[in-house]
Amino acid sequence: MTAKSLIDSVKKKKILILPEDKLDEILKIKNIKVLKEDNTYVCNYIRILELNKHILVQETTLNHEIAIRMFKNKKDAEEFVQERLETYEKMWDGCGCKVDYYH
């Protein structure tokens, strides 16, 4: 996978869903930078990535898929990640919360 193909694919879809085994390939793309990485303790890590001035969030779904979204800026991505982390925290407390990775 190249930087261009990843960016083009994410732009075409609201949420790009890939098999989990593509994660290493994505993280090795030239020019990709991990700006922030948090362990969710439920579904692996959630990451804010920068690729050629595009801000992306990568997370792993409960179905062992990789979900990638594009954000307008780093602030919006950070807010999304914080919301996810708060949901995962509630899940640990047994709230019955669920994450909709496909919306």
N, C-alpha and C. Protein backbone atom coordinates (compact mmCIF):
# COMPACT_ATOMS: atom_id res chain seq x y z
N MET A 1 0.85 -1.18 0.00
CA MET A 1 0.00 0.00 0.00
C MET A 1 0.90 1.24 0.00
N THR A 2 0.51 2.20 -0.78
CA THR A 2 1.25 3.45 -0.85
C THR A 2 0.49 4.55 -0.11
N ALA A 3 1.17 5.65 0.14
CA ALA A 3 0.53 6.79 0.79
C ALA A 3 -0.64 7.28 -0.05
N LYS A 4 -0.43 7.39 -1.35
CA LYS A 4 -1.50 7.88 -2.24
C LYS A 4 -2.69 6.94 -2.24
N SER A 5 -2.46 5.64 -2.32
CA SER A 5 -3.59 4.71 -2.36
C SER A 5 -4.36 4.72 -1.04
N LEU A 6 -3.66 4.86 0.08
CA LEU A 6 -4.36 4.94 1.37
C LEU A 6 -5.20 6.20 1.45
N ILE A 7 -4.60 7.34 1.14
CA ILE A 7 -5.34 8.61 1.20
C ILE A 7 -6.53 8.59 0.24
N ASP A 8 -6.32 8.13 -0.99
CA ASP A 8 -7.42 8.07 -1.96
C ASP A 8 -8.55 7.16 -1.46
N SER A 9 -8.19 6.03 -0.87
CA SER A 9 -9.21 5.09 -0.37
C SER A 9 -9.99 5.68 0.80
N VAL A 10 -9.31 6.37 1.70
CA VAL A 10 -9.99 6.97 2.84
C VAL A 10 -10.89 8.11 2.37
N LYS A 11 -10.45 8.87 1.39
CA LYS A 11 -11.27 9.97 0.87
C LYS A 11 -12.55 9.45 0.22
N LYS A 12 -12.49 8.29 -0.43
CA LYS A 12 -13.65 7.73 -1.13
C LYS A 12 -14.70 7.22 -0.16
N LYS A 13 -14.26 6.79 1.00
CA LYS A 13 -15.19 6.20 1.98
C LYS A 13 -15.15 7.03 3.25
N LYS A 14 -16.23 7.06 3.95
CA LYS A 14 -16.24 7.76 5.23
C LYS A 14 -15.31 7.05 6.22
N ILE A 15 -15.35 5.72 6.19
CA ILE A 15 -14.51 4.90 7.05
C ILE A 15 -13.94 3.78 6.20
N LEU A 16 -12.63 3.71 6.14
CA LEU A 16 -11.98 2.64 5.40
C LEU A 16 -11.78 1.46 6.33
N ILE A 17 -12.32 0.30 5.95
CA ILE A 17 -12.21 -0.93 6.74
C ILE A 17 -11.29 -1.89 6.00
N LEU A 18 -10.26 -2.35 6.71
CA LEU A 18 -9.27 -3.27 6.14
C LEU A 18 -9.07 -4.45 7.07
N PRO A 19 -8.57 -5.56 6.54
CA PRO A 19 -8.23 -6.68 7.43
C PRO A 19 -7.14 -6.28 8.42
N GLU A 20 -7.20 -6.84 9.60
CA GLU A 20 -6.25 -6.50 10.66
C GLU A 20 -4.80 -6.73 10.25
N ASP A 21 -4.56 -7.70 9.38
CA ASP A 21 -3.18 -8.00 9.00
C ASP A 21 -2.57 -6.92 8.09
N LYS A 22 -3.34 -5.91 7.71
CA LYS A 22 -2.82 -4.79 6.91
C LYS A 22 -2.19 -3.69 7.79
N LEU A 23 -2.35 -3.80 9.10
CA LEU A 23 -1.88 -2.73 9.98
C LEU A 23 -0.37 -2.50 9.85
N ASP A 24 0.43 -3.54 9.89
CA ASP A 24 1.88 -3.37 9.77
C ASP A 24 2.24 -2.68 8.46
N GLU A 25 1.58 -3.06 7.40
CA GLU A 25 1.83 -2.43 6.10
C GLU A 25 1.50 -0.94 6.13
N ILE A 26 0.41 -0.59 6.77
CA ILE A 26 0.01 0.81 6.88
C ILE A 26 1.03 1.61 7.68
N LEU A 27 1.45 1.05 8.81
CA LEU A 27 2.38 1.77 9.67
C LEU A 27 3.78 1.89 9.08
N LYS A 28 4.05 1.15 8.01
CA LYS A 28 5.36 1.22 7.34
C LYS A 28 5.34 2.10 6.10
N ILE A 29 4.21 2.71 5.80
CA ILE A 29 4.12 3.59 4.63
C ILE A 29 5.08 4.75 4.81
N LYS A 30 5.79 5.05 3.74
CA LYS A 30 6.74 6.16 3.77
C LYS A 30 6.01 7.45 4.14
N ASN A 31 6.61 8.23 5.00
CA ASN A 31 6.12 9.53 5.45
C ASN A 31 5.00 9.46 6.48
N ILE A 32 4.58 8.27 6.89
CA ILE A 32 3.53 8.22 7.91
C ILE A 32 4.16 8.48 9.28
N LYS A 33 3.49 9.30 10.06
CA LYS A 33 3.96 9.63 11.40
C LYS A 33 2.87 9.29 12.41
N VAL A 34 3.25 8.63 13.48
CA VAL A 34 2.32 8.37 14.57
C VAL A 34 2.42 9.58 15.50
N LEU A 35 1.36 10.38 15.55
CA LEU A 35 1.35 11.58 16.39
C LEU A 35 0.94 11.25 17.81
N LYS A 36 0.09 10.24 17.96
CA LYS A 36 -0.39 9.85 19.29
C LYS A 36 -0.82 8.39 19.21
N GLU A 37 -0.56 7.66 20.29
CA GLU A 37 -0.93 6.25 20.34
C GLU A 37 -1.40 5.93 21.75
N ASP A 38 -2.60 5.39 21.86
CA ASP A 38 -3.16 5.03 23.17
C ASP A 38 -3.62 3.58 23.14
N ASN A 39 -3.31 2.85 24.19
CA ASN A 39 -3.79 1.49 24.34
C ASN A 39 -5.22 1.55 24.86
N THR A 40 -6.14 0.94 24.16
CA THR A 40 -7.54 0.96 24.59
C THR A 40 -7.82 -0.12 25.63
N TYR A 41 -6.94 -1.10 25.72
CA TYR A 41 -7.09 -2.25 26.61
C TYR A 41 -8.31 -3.10 26.27
N VAL A 42 -8.98 -2.76 25.19
CA VAL A 42 -10.12 -3.55 24.71
C VAL A 42 -9.86 -4.00 23.28
N CYS A 43 -9.45 -3.06 22.46
CA CYS A 43 -9.24 -3.33 21.03
C CYS A 43 -7.91 -2.77 20.55
N ASN A 44 -6.84 -3.24 21.16
CA ASN A 44 -5.51 -2.85 20.72
C ASN A 44 -5.30 -1.34 20.90
N TYR A 45 -4.56 -0.74 20.00
CA TYR A 45 -4.23 0.68 20.10
C TYR A 45 -5.09 1.50 19.17
N ILE A 46 -5.29 2.76 19.56
CA ILE A 46 -5.91 3.75 18.69
C ILE A 46 -4.83 4.79 18.44
N ARG A 47 -4.68 5.18 17.18
CA ARG A 47 -3.58 6.06 16.80
C ARG A 47 -4.06 7.26 16.00
N ILE A 48 -3.42 8.39 16.23
CA ILE A 48 -3.57 9.55 15.36
C ILE A 48 -2.34 9.54 14.47
N LEU A 49 -2.58 9.55 13.16
CA LEU A 49 -1.51 9.48 12.18
C LEU A 49 -1.51 10.73 11.31
N GLU A 50 -0.34 11.09 10.85
CA GLU A 50 -0.24 12.15 9.86
C GLU A 50 0.44 11.55 8.63
N LEU A 51 -0.16 11.78 7.49
CA LEU A 51 0.38 11.27 6.23
C LEU A 51 0.23 12.34 5.17
N ASN A 52 1.34 12.92 4.77
CA ASN A 52 1.33 13.96 3.74
C ASN A 52 0.31 15.06 4.05
N LYS A 53 0.36 15.55 5.27
CA LYS A 53 -0.49 16.64 5.77
C LYS A 53 -1.94 16.25 6.02
N HIS A 54 -2.28 14.98 5.87
CA HIS A 54 -3.62 14.48 6.17
C HIS A 54 -3.58 13.87 7.57
N ILE A 55 -4.63 14.12 8.34
CA ILE A 55 -4.73 13.58 9.70
C ILE A 55 -5.71 12.42 9.66
N LEU A 56 -5.26 11.27 10.16
CA LEU A 56 -6.04 10.04 10.17
C LEU A 56 -6.11 9.48 11.58
N VAL A 57 -7.18 8.76 11.87
CA VAL A 57 -7.25 7.98 13.10
C VAL A 57 -7.42 6.52 12.69
N GLN A 58 -6.58 5.69 13.28
CA GLN A 58 -6.63 4.25 13.02
C GLN A 58 -7.00 3.55 14.31
N GLU A 59 -7.96 2.66 14.22
CA GLU A 59 -8.35 1.85 15.37
C GLU A 59 -8.67 0.44 14.92
N THR A 60 -8.69 -0.48 15.86
CA THR A 60 -9.01 -1.87 15.59
C THR A 60 -10.42 -2.14 16.11
N THR A 61 -11.23 -2.78 15.29
CA THR A 61 -12.61 -3.07 15.69
C THR A 61 -12.66 -4.37 16.50
N LEU A 62 -13.79 -4.62 17.12
CA LEU A 62 -14.00 -5.87 17.84
C LEU A 62 -14.01 -7.07 16.89
N ASN A 63 -14.21 -6.79 15.58
CA ASN A 63 -14.20 -7.84 14.56
C ASN A 63 -12.79 -8.05 13.98
N HIS A 64 -11.79 -7.49 14.63
CA HIS A 64 -10.40 -7.62 14.20
C HIS A 64 -10.17 -7.06 12.80
N GLU A 65 -10.72 -5.88 12.59
CA GLU A 65 -10.52 -5.13 11.36
C GLU A 65 -9.83 -3.82 11.73
N ILE A 66 -9.26 -3.19 10.73
CA ILE A 66 -8.67 -1.87 10.92
C ILE A 66 -9.64 -0.85 10.34
N ALA A 67 -9.99 0.14 11.14
CA ALA A 67 -10.86 1.23 10.69
C ALA A 67 -10.01 2.50 10.64
N ILE A 68 -10.08 3.20 9.51
CA ILE A 68 -9.30 4.43 9.33
C ILE A 68 -10.25 5.53 8.90
N ARG A 69 -10.15 6.67 9.59
CA ARG A 69 -10.96 7.84 9.29
C ARG A 69 -10.04 9.04 9.05
N MET A 70 -10.50 9.96 8.23
CA MET A 70 -9.75 11.20 8.00
C MET A 70 -10.43 12.34 8.76
N PHE A 71 -9.61 13.22 9.31
CA PHE A 71 -10.11 14.36 10.05
C PHE A 71 -9.58 15.66 9.45
N LYS A 72 -10.32 16.74 9.66
CA LYS A 72 -9.92 18.04 9.13
C LYS A 72 -8.63 18.54 9.76
N ASN A 73 -8.47 18.22 11.06
CA ASN A 73 -7.29 18.72 11.77
C ASN A 73 -6.98 17.82 12.97
N LYS A 74 -5.84 18.07 13.58
CA LYS A 74 -5.40 17.25 14.71
C LYS A 74 -6.34 17.41 15.91
N LYS A 75 -6.87 18.60 16.12
CA LYS A 75 -7.76 18.84 17.25
C LYS A 75 -9.02 17.95 17.15
N ASP A 76 -9.62 17.88 15.98
CA ASP A 76 -10.80 17.04 15.79
C ASP A 76 -10.46 15.56 16.02
N ALA A 77 -9.30 15.14 15.55
CA ALA A 77 -8.86 13.76 15.74
C ALA A 77 -8.66 13.48 17.23
N GLU A 78 -8.05 14.41 17.95
CA GLU A 78 -7.82 14.23 19.38
C GLU A 78 -9.14 14.12 20.14
N GLU A 79 -10.13 14.92 19.76
CA GLU A 79 -11.45 14.86 20.41
C GLU A 79 -12.11 13.50 20.15
N PHE A 80 -12.00 13.00 18.93
CA PHE A 80 -12.55 11.70 18.59
C PHE A 80 -11.89 10.60 19.43
N VAL A 81 -10.57 10.64 19.51
CA VAL A 81 -9.83 9.63 20.28
C VAL A 81 -10.20 9.72 21.76
N GLN A 82 -10.30 10.92 22.29
CA GLN A 82 -10.67 11.08 23.70
C GLN A 82 -12.06 10.50 23.98
N GLU A 83 -12.99 10.73 23.07
CA GLU A 83 -14.35 10.18 23.21
C GLU A 83 -14.31 8.64 23.20
N ARG A 84 -13.51 8.08 22.29
CA ARG A 84 -13.36 6.62 22.23
C ARG A 84 -12.79 6.08 23.54
N LEU A 85 -11.74 6.73 24.03
CA LEU A 85 -11.10 6.26 25.26
C LEU A 85 -12.06 6.33 26.44
N GLU A 86 -12.88 7.35 26.49
CA GLU A 86 -13.88 7.46 27.55
C GLU A 86 -14.91 6.33 27.44
N THR A 87 -15.30 5.98 26.23
CA THR A 87 -16.24 4.87 26.03
C THR A 87 -15.61 3.56 26.49
N TYR A 88 -14.36 3.32 26.12
CA TYR A 88 -13.67 2.10 26.55
C TYR A 88 -13.56 2.03 28.08
N GLU A 89 -13.32 3.17 28.69
CA GLU A 89 -13.24 3.22 30.16
C GLU A 89 -14.57 2.81 30.78
N LYS A 90 -15.67 3.30 30.20
CA LYS A 90 -16.99 2.93 30.68
C LYS A 90 -17.26 1.44 30.46
N MET A 91 -16.75 0.91 29.34
CA MET A 91 -16.93 -0.52 29.06
C MET A 91 -16.27 -1.36 30.16
N TRP A 92 -15.12 -0.93 30.62
CA TRP A 92 -14.42 -1.63 31.70
C TRP A 92 -15.27 -1.63 32.97
N ASP A 93 -16.03 -0.56 33.16
CA ASP A 93 -16.87 -0.44 34.35
C ASP A 93 -18.19 -1.20 34.19
N GLY A 94 -18.39 -1.84 33.04
CA GLY A 94 -19.58 -2.67 32.82
C GLY A 94 -20.83 -1.91 32.46
N CYS A 95 -20.70 -0.78 31.80
CA CYS A 95 -21.87 0.04 31.47
C CYS A 95 -22.72 -0.56 30.35
N GLY A 96 -22.19 -1.54 29.64
CA GLY A 96 -22.92 -2.08 28.50
C GLY A 96 -22.77 -1.25 27.24
N CYS A 97 -21.85 -0.29 27.28
CA CYS A 97 -21.60 0.58 26.13
C CYS A 97 -21.02 -0.24 24.97
N LYS A 98 -21.29 0.22 23.77
CA LYS A 98 -20.72 -0.40 22.59
C LYS A 98 -20.18 0.69 21.67
N VAL A 99 -19.17 0.36 20.91
CA VAL A 99 -18.59 1.28 19.95
C VAL A 99 -19.10 0.90 18.56
N ASP A 100 -19.65 1.86 17.84
CA ASP A 100 -20.06 1.64 16.47
C ASP A 100 -18.92 2.09 15.57
N TYR A 101 -18.09 1.15 15.15
CA TYR A 101 -16.93 1.46 14.34
C TYR A 101 -17.28 1.83 12.91
N TYR A 102 -18.49 1.53 12.50
CA TYR A 102 -18.86 1.67 11.09
C TYR A 102 -19.73 2.90 10.82
N HIS A 103 -19.86 3.76 11.80
CA HIS A 103 -20.68 4.97 11.65
C HIS A 103 -19.81 6.18 11.88
